[in-house]
Amino acid sequence: MKNYLSINDIDVLSNWVKEAISLKKDPKKFKKLGSDKTIGLLFFNNSLRTRLSTQKAAMNLGMDVIVMNFGSEGWALEYADGTIMDQGTSEHIKEAAQVISQYCDIIAIRAFAGLVDKKLDEAEEVLNGFKKYANVPIVNMESSVGHPLQALTDAITMEEHNFKNNPKVVLSWAPHPRSLPHAVANSFVQMMQKQHAEFVITHPKGYELDPNITKDCTIEHDQEKALENADFVYVKNWSSYNDYGQIKSQDPNWQMTLKKLGKAKFMHCLPVRRNVVVADEILDSDQSLVIEQANNRTYAAQLVLKKILENLKD
């Protein structure tokens, strides 16, 4: 594997999950693999779990880590070809990607959707710009339309807590005061399409995700009906896709409560707004897997880096 840009870069998800769980039992087993290798973590947006877990994953593999926050430390980048750069941008992606490639053996990038221009966001200009001009492998630490490290994490976490051949998994929209991107939800849907499970998406009308991603998925607008007999409930907010980036509803009745959750395990990528997205009674209960998910972020990232490093040695 050269790059990890999408959950669809995984060939057989079940094999990856098994390998990650094995890696988790002995995280330092492959520490020599990354010896004398450097990873550059480029953050165009804020991060807590992604930053720390990816850094720890690289260190577990013996890599050196360089971190740069482009929002406050780097020059503003230009991505378009043929642009007369007489306005706000100071450096072109063509030079920046090649320069960083000289310093790093792997480049990992985090760059959110702007939620203003759908076409621009779906073009993934930051991620694809580095993919085009860099000379080293690229890892997606969340982009405009996907968060494949989180989706792999979620698959690992569910496997560790699944005791059924065909569990019921529900992805439920939740209210939020801010307009949020679709990346986590998109990658979770794509991951679930690789699973043997009964999968249901529930959200208010007007919050449909990209139909090219949710094709063939069961969508239920009645949240309580969708939640019946669920084994895992993944809760996430996202803004409107059709009325791009808009908040169509903040209905507090969509908040996840223990009564609605039933006996299911609760999942969320974090950070989460307590008593807006989900009630305290869930987050503070044994049914919440959010801390375990955060821990598994390390092993998802470590598996991805391990596979890339092994490819570099071939």
Protein backbone atom coordinates (compact mmCIF):
# COMPACT_ATOMS: atom_id res chain seq x y z
CA MET A 1 0.00 0.00 0.00
CA LYS A 2 1.41 3.39 -1.00
CA ASN A 3 -1.19 5.90 0.27
CA TYR A 4 -4.05 5.72 2.77
CA LEU A 5 -6.59 8.25 1.55
CA SER A 6 -9.90 6.43 1.96
CA ILE A 7 -11.35 3.49 3.86
CA ASN A 8 -11.74 1.96 0.40
CA ASP A 9 -7.93 1.66 0.22
CA ILE A 10 -8.38 -1.35 2.54
CA ASP A 11 -8.61 -4.60 0.59
CA VAL A 12 -10.06 -7.01 3.19
CA LEU A 13 -11.31 -5.09 6.23
CA SER A 14 -11.63 -8.14 8.48
CA ASN A 15 -7.95 -8.98 7.94
CA TRP A 16 -6.90 -5.45 8.81
CA VAL A 17 -9.00 -5.48 11.98
CA LYS A 18 -7.47 -8.77 13.12
CA GLU A 19 -3.98 -7.45 12.46
CA ALA A 20 -4.68 -4.24 14.39
CA ILE A 21 -5.97 -6.18 17.39
CA SER A 22 -2.83 -8.34 17.30
CA LEU A 23 -0.67 -5.22 17.03
CA LYS A 24 -2.43 -3.76 20.05
CA LYS A 25 -1.19 -6.68 22.20
CA ASP A 26 2.46 -5.83 21.43
CA PRO A 27 2.68 -2.23 20.13
CA LYS A 28 6.51 -2.10 20.12
CA LYS A 29 7.00 -5.36 18.22
CA PHE A 30 7.85 -3.57 14.96
CA LYS A 31 9.81 -0.66 16.42
CA LYS A 32 12.77 -1.28 14.11
CA LEU A 33 10.54 -0.97 11.05
CA GLY A 34 10.45 2.82 11.22
CA SER A 35 14.04 3.33 12.33
CA ASP A 36 15.65 6.29 10.51
CA LYS A 37 12.25 7.21 8.99
CA THR A 38 10.42 10.49 9.54
CA ILE A 39 6.72 11.29 9.33
CA GLY A 40 5.46 14.83 8.86
CA LEU A 41 2.05 15.59 10.42
CA LEU A 42 0.52 18.63 8.72
CA PHE A 43 -2.50 20.17 10.44
CA PHE A 44 -4.64 22.67 8.58
CA ASN A 45 -7.28 22.23 11.32
CA ASN A 46 -7.41 21.52 15.04
CA SER A 47 -6.88 18.07 16.49
CA LEU A 48 -6.51 16.19 19.75
CA ARG A 49 -6.96 12.41 19.25
CA THR A 50 -5.72 12.37 15.65
CA ARG A 51 -2.60 14.36 16.46
CA LEU A 52 -1.58 12.46 19.57
CA SER A 53 -2.57 8.97 18.43
CA THR A 54 -0.81 9.27 15.07
CA GLN A 55 2.29 10.62 16.76
CA LYS A 56 2.24 7.77 19.28
CA ALA A 57 1.67 5.24 16.49
CA ALA A 58 4.71 6.54 14.62
CA MET A 59 6.82 6.43 17.80
CA ASN A 60 5.71 2.84 18.47
CA LEU A 61 7.17 2.01 15.05
CA GLY A 62 10.43 3.82 15.81
CA MET A 63 9.78 6.82 13.56
CA ASP A 64 10.78 10.41 14.15
CA VAL A 65 7.89 12.87 14.04
CA ILE A 66 7.67 16.42 12.70
CA VAL A 67 4.48 18.38 13.40
CA MET A 68 3.41 21.58 11.65
CA ASN A 69 0.26 23.64 12.12
CA PHE A 70 -0.39 25.31 8.79
CA GLY A 71 -3.13 27.50 10.18
CA SER A 72 -0.76 29.44 12.42
CA GLU A 73 2.77 28.49 11.34
CA GLY A 74 2.87 27.85 7.61
CA TRP A 75 2.56 30.08 4.58
CA ALA A 76 -0.89 30.25 3.00
CA LEU A 77 -0.85 27.78 0.11
CA GLU A 78 -2.13 28.23 -3.43
CA TYR A 79 -3.53 25.13 -5.18
CA ALA A 80 -4.78 26.28 -8.58
CA ASP A 81 -2.62 26.01 -11.69
CA GLY A 82 -1.76 29.16 -13.59
CA THR A 83 -2.77 31.48 -10.74
CA ILE A 84 -1.24 34.95 -10.58
CA MET A 85 -0.29 34.94 -6.91
CA ASP A 86 -0.76 38.63 -6.16
CA GLN A 87 -3.33 38.15 -3.39
CA GLY A 88 -3.30 36.28 -0.05
CA THR A 89 -1.38 33.08 -0.84
CA SER A 90 2.39 33.04 -0.47
CA GLU A 91 3.48 29.57 -1.60
CA HIS A 92 2.22 27.10 -4.18
CA ILE A 93 1.43 23.49 -3.38
CA LYS A 94 3.83 22.45 -6.17
CA GLU A 95 6.85 23.70 -4.26
CA ALA A 96 5.55 23.04 -0.74
CA ALA A 97 4.77 19.36 -1.35
CA GLN A 98 8.12 18.69 -2.97
CA VAL A 99 10.03 20.51 -0.24
CA ILE A 100 8.25 18.64 2.58
CA SER A 101 8.88 15.37 0.72
CA GLN A 102 12.61 16.01 1.11
CA TYR A 103 12.20 16.18 4.89
CA CYS A 104 9.79 13.27 5.41
CA ASP A 105 9.33 9.65 4.36
CA ILE A 106 5.55 9.84 4.94
CA ILE A 107 3.27 12.89 5.01
CA ALA A 108 0.00 12.83 6.96
CA ILE A 109 -2.53 15.62 6.40
CA ARG A 110 -5.60 16.95 8.21
CA ALA A 111 -7.70 19.50 6.29
CA PHE A 112 -11.43 19.93 6.89
CA ALA A 113 -14.21 20.88 4.51
CA GLY A 114 -15.01 24.58 4.26
CA LEU A 115 -18.74 23.76 3.94
CA VAL A 116 -19.27 26.69 1.57
CA ASP A 117 -18.45 25.31 -1.88
CA LYS A 118 -19.43 21.64 -2.30
CA LYS A 119 -17.53 21.26 -5.56
CA LEU A 120 -14.37 22.68 -4.02
CA ASP A 121 -14.64 20.47 -0.94
CA GLU A 122 -15.24 17.33 -2.97
CA ALA A 123 -12.21 18.16 -5.11
CA GLU A 124 -10.09 17.63 -1.96
CA GLU A 125 -7.57 20.23 -3.14
CA VAL A 126 -5.28 19.92 -0.10
CA LEU A 127 -5.15 16.12 0.06
CA ASN A 128 -5.04 15.65 -3.71
CA GLY A 129 -2.56 18.50 -4.12
CA PHE A 130 -0.09 16.73 -1.86
CA LYS A 131 -0.86 13.40 -3.51
CA LYS A 132 -0.07 14.91 -6.91
CA TYR A 133 3.11 16.80 -6.07
CA ALA A 134 4.66 14.97 -3.10
CA ASN A 135 7.23 12.26 -3.69
CA VAL A 136 6.33 10.20 -0.61
CA PRO A 137 3.22 8.34 0.64
CA ILE A 138 0.25 10.37 1.91
CA VAL A 139 -2.03 9.51 4.86
CA ASN A 140 -5.44 11.11 5.34
CA MET A 141 -5.91 12.29 8.95
CA GLU A 142 -9.36 13.67 7.98
CA SER A 143 -10.13 15.49 4.80
CA SER A 144 -13.12 17.32 3.36
CA VAL A 145 -15.11 14.15 2.69
CA GLY A 146 -13.50 11.33 4.68
CA HIS A 147 -11.88 10.24 7.93
CA PRO A 148 -10.54 6.76 7.14
CA LEU A 149 -8.39 6.47 10.29
CA GLN A 150 -11.51 6.96 12.41
CA ALA A 151 -13.49 4.44 10.37
CA LEU A 152 -10.78 1.80 10.79
CA THR A 153 -10.77 2.58 14.51
CA ASP A 154 -14.52 2.07 14.66
CA ALA A 155 -14.25 -1.30 12.94
CA ILE A 156 -11.61 -2.40 15.45
CA THR A 157 -13.72 -1.26 18.40
CA MET A 158 -16.86 -3.01 17.18
CA GLU A 159 -14.98 -6.23 16.59
CA GLU A 160 -13.71 -6.19 20.16
CA HIS A 161 -17.27 -5.86 21.50
CA ASN A 162 -19.26 -7.86 18.97
CA PHE A 163 -20.72 -11.22 19.96
CA LYS A 164 -23.09 -11.75 17.02
CA ASN A 165 -22.68 -12.95 13.47
CA ASN A 166 -24.91 -10.19 12.14
CA PRO A 167 -25.11 -7.29 14.63
CA LYS A 168 -27.42 -4.34 14.12
CA VAL A 169 -25.52 -1.07 13.77
CA VAL A 170 -27.23 2.31 13.64
CA LEU A 171 -25.70 5.62 12.55
CA SER A 172 -27.82 8.36 14.09
CA TRP A 173 -27.69 12.08 13.36
CA ALA A 174 -27.74 14.35 16.42
CA PRO A 175 -28.30 18.09 16.94
CA HIS A 176 -25.35 20.47 17.17
CA PRO A 177 -25.07 24.27 17.39
CA ARG A 178 -22.43 24.45 14.63
CA SER A 179 -22.35 23.36 11.03
CA LEU A 180 -20.22 20.21 10.86
CA PRO A 181 -18.71 18.33 7.90
CA HIS A 182 -19.68 14.90 6.57
CA ALA A 183 -16.27 13.22 6.73
CA VAL A 184 -16.76 10.97 9.77
CA ALA A 185 -20.24 9.88 8.72
CA ASN A 186 -19.11 9.24 5.13
CA SER A 187 -16.22 6.98 6.13
CA PHE A 188 -18.32 5.16 8.73
CA VAL A 189 -20.92 4.37 6.06
CA GLN A 190 -18.24 3.15 3.66
CA MET A 191 -16.72 1.01 6.41
CA MET A 192 -20.09 -0.53 7.28
CA GLN A 193 -20.62 -1.44 3.64
CA LYS A 194 -17.66 -3.81 4.06
CA GLN A 195 -19.17 -5.48 7.14
CA HIS A 196 -21.54 -8.38 7.72
CA ALA A 197 -24.16 -6.46 9.69
CA GLU A 198 -27.63 -4.98 9.60
CA PHE A 199 -26.90 -1.30 9.04
CA VAL A 200 -29.38 1.56 9.35
CA ILE A 201 -28.88 5.31 8.98
CA THR A 202 -31.34 7.58 10.77
CA HIS A 203 -31.64 11.36 10.45
CA PRO A 204 -34.29 14.06 10.00
CA LYS A 205 -35.46 14.72 6.47
CA GLY A 206 -33.14 17.18 4.80
CA TYR A 207 -30.00 15.64 6.30
CA GLU A 208 -29.39 13.02 3.63
CA LEU A 209 -25.70 12.31 3.05
CA ASP A 210 -24.12 12.06 -0.39
CA PRO A 211 -26.31 9.50 -2.21
CA ASN A 212 -23.24 8.17 -4.02
CA ILE A 213 -21.95 7.07 -0.62
CA THR A 214 -25.18 5.88 1.02
CA LYS A 215 -26.45 3.95 -2.01
CA ASP A 216 -28.04 0.64 -1.02
CA CYS A 217 -28.13 1.67 2.67
CA THR A 218 -31.32 1.52 4.71
CA ILE A 219 -32.40 5.03 5.75
CA GLU A 220 -35.07 5.50 8.42
CA HIS A 221 -36.34 8.96 9.42
CA ASP A 222 -38.03 7.62 12.57
CA GLN A 223 -35.13 7.50 15.03
CA GLU A 224 -36.79 5.31 17.64
CA LYS A 225 -37.84 2.79 15.00
CA ALA A 226 -34.29 2.71 13.64
CA LEU A 227 -32.88 2.09 17.10
CA GLU A 228 -35.01 -0.97 17.84
CA ASN A 229 -32.83 -3.95 18.86
CA ALA A 230 -29.61 -2.13 17.99
CA ASP A 231 -26.29 -3.59 19.15
CA PHE A 232 -24.15 -0.55 18.35
CA VAL A 233 -25.31 3.06 17.98
CA TYR A 234 -22.90 5.53 16.41
CA VAL A 235 -24.01 9.13 16.94
CA LYS A 236 -22.70 12.03 14.86
CA ASN A 237 -23.88 15.40 13.66
CA TRP A 238 -23.48 16.56 10.07
CA SER A 239 -24.80 19.54 8.16
CA SER A 240 -27.05 19.36 5.13
CA TYR A 241 -25.55 17.91 1.98
CA ASN A 242 -28.19 19.08 -0.50
CA ASP A 243 -28.38 22.59 1.02
CA TYR A 244 -24.67 22.37 1.45
CA GLY A 245 -23.29 23.19 4.87
CA GLN A 246 -26.57 24.52 6.26
CA ILE A 247 -28.14 23.69 9.61
CA LYS A 248 -31.67 22.59 8.78
CA SER A 249 -32.68 21.50 12.26
CA GLN A 250 -31.47 21.58 15.87
CA ASP A 251 -34.30 19.43 17.17
CA PRO A 252 -33.29 18.44 20.73
CA ASN A 253 -35.49 15.36 20.47
CA TRP A 254 -32.76 13.76 18.37
CA GLN A 255 -30.31 13.84 21.29
CA MET A 256 -29.31 10.31 22.26
CA THR A 257 -30.67 9.24 25.65
CA LEU A 258 -30.29 6.03 27.62
CA LYS A 259 -33.97 5.19 27.06
CA LYS A 260 -33.53 5.36 23.29
CA LEU A 261 -30.17 3.61 23.36
CA GLY A 262 -31.58 0.55 25.11
CA LYS A 263 -28.94 -2.12 25.61
CA ALA A 264 -26.78 -1.00 22.68
CA LYS A 265 -23.17 0.11 22.93
CA PHE A 266 -22.68 3.83 22.30
CA MET A 267 -20.03 5.14 19.92
CA HIS A 268 -18.82 8.63 18.99
CA CYS A 269 -15.56 9.89 17.49
CA LEU A 270 -15.15 12.75 20.03
CA PRO A 271 -15.11 15.57 20.85
CA VAL A 272 -18.78 15.47 21.84
CA ARG A 273 -21.07 18.12 23.31
CA ARG A 274 -22.62 16.66 26.43
CA ASN A 275 -26.38 17.00 26.80
CA VAL A 276 -26.68 18.30 23.24
CA VAL A 277 -25.53 15.34 21.16
CA VAL A 278 -25.75 12.75 23.93
CA ALA A 279 -26.86 12.70 27.56
CA ASP A 280 -24.42 12.44 30.45
CA GLU A 281 -26.11 9.23 31.54
CA ILE A 282 -24.78 7.48 28.44
CA LEU A 283 -21.25 8.90 28.37
CA ASP A 284 -20.75 8.07 32.03
CA SER A 285 -22.12 4.53 31.68
CA ASP A 286 -20.54 1.18 30.86
CA GLN A 287 -22.34 1.23 27.52
CA SER A 288 -20.12 4.03 26.23
CA LEU A 289 -17.17 2.95 24.07
CA VAL A 290 -15.86 6.45 23.32
CA ILE A 291 -12.71 6.17 25.45
CA GLU A 292 -11.89 2.77 23.96
CA GLN A 293 -12.41 4.22 20.50
CA ALA A 294 -9.95 7.00 21.30
CA ASN A 295 -7.41 4.42 22.47
CA ASN A 296 -7.84 2.38 19.30
CA ARG A 297 -6.98 5.42 17.21
CA THR A 298 -3.33 4.62 17.95
CA TYR A 299 -3.53 1.09 16.59
CA ALA A 300 -5.50 2.05 13.50
CA ALA A 301 -2.87 4.64 12.62
CA GLN A 302 -0.04 2.27 13.54
CA LEU A 303 -1.37 -0.44 11.24
CA VAL A 304 -1.63 2.00 8.34
CA LEU A 305 1.91 3.30 8.90
CA LYS A 306 3.23 -0.25 9.28
CA LYS A 307 1.82 -1.28 5.92
CA ILE A 308 3.25 1.83 4.23
CA LEU A 309 6.67 1.29 5.82
CA GLU A 310 6.68 -2.34 4.71
CA ASN A 311 5.92 -1.19 1.18
CA LEU A 312 8.81 1.30 1.32
CA LYS A 313 11.21 -1.52 2.17
CA ASP A 314 10.08 -3.70 -0.74
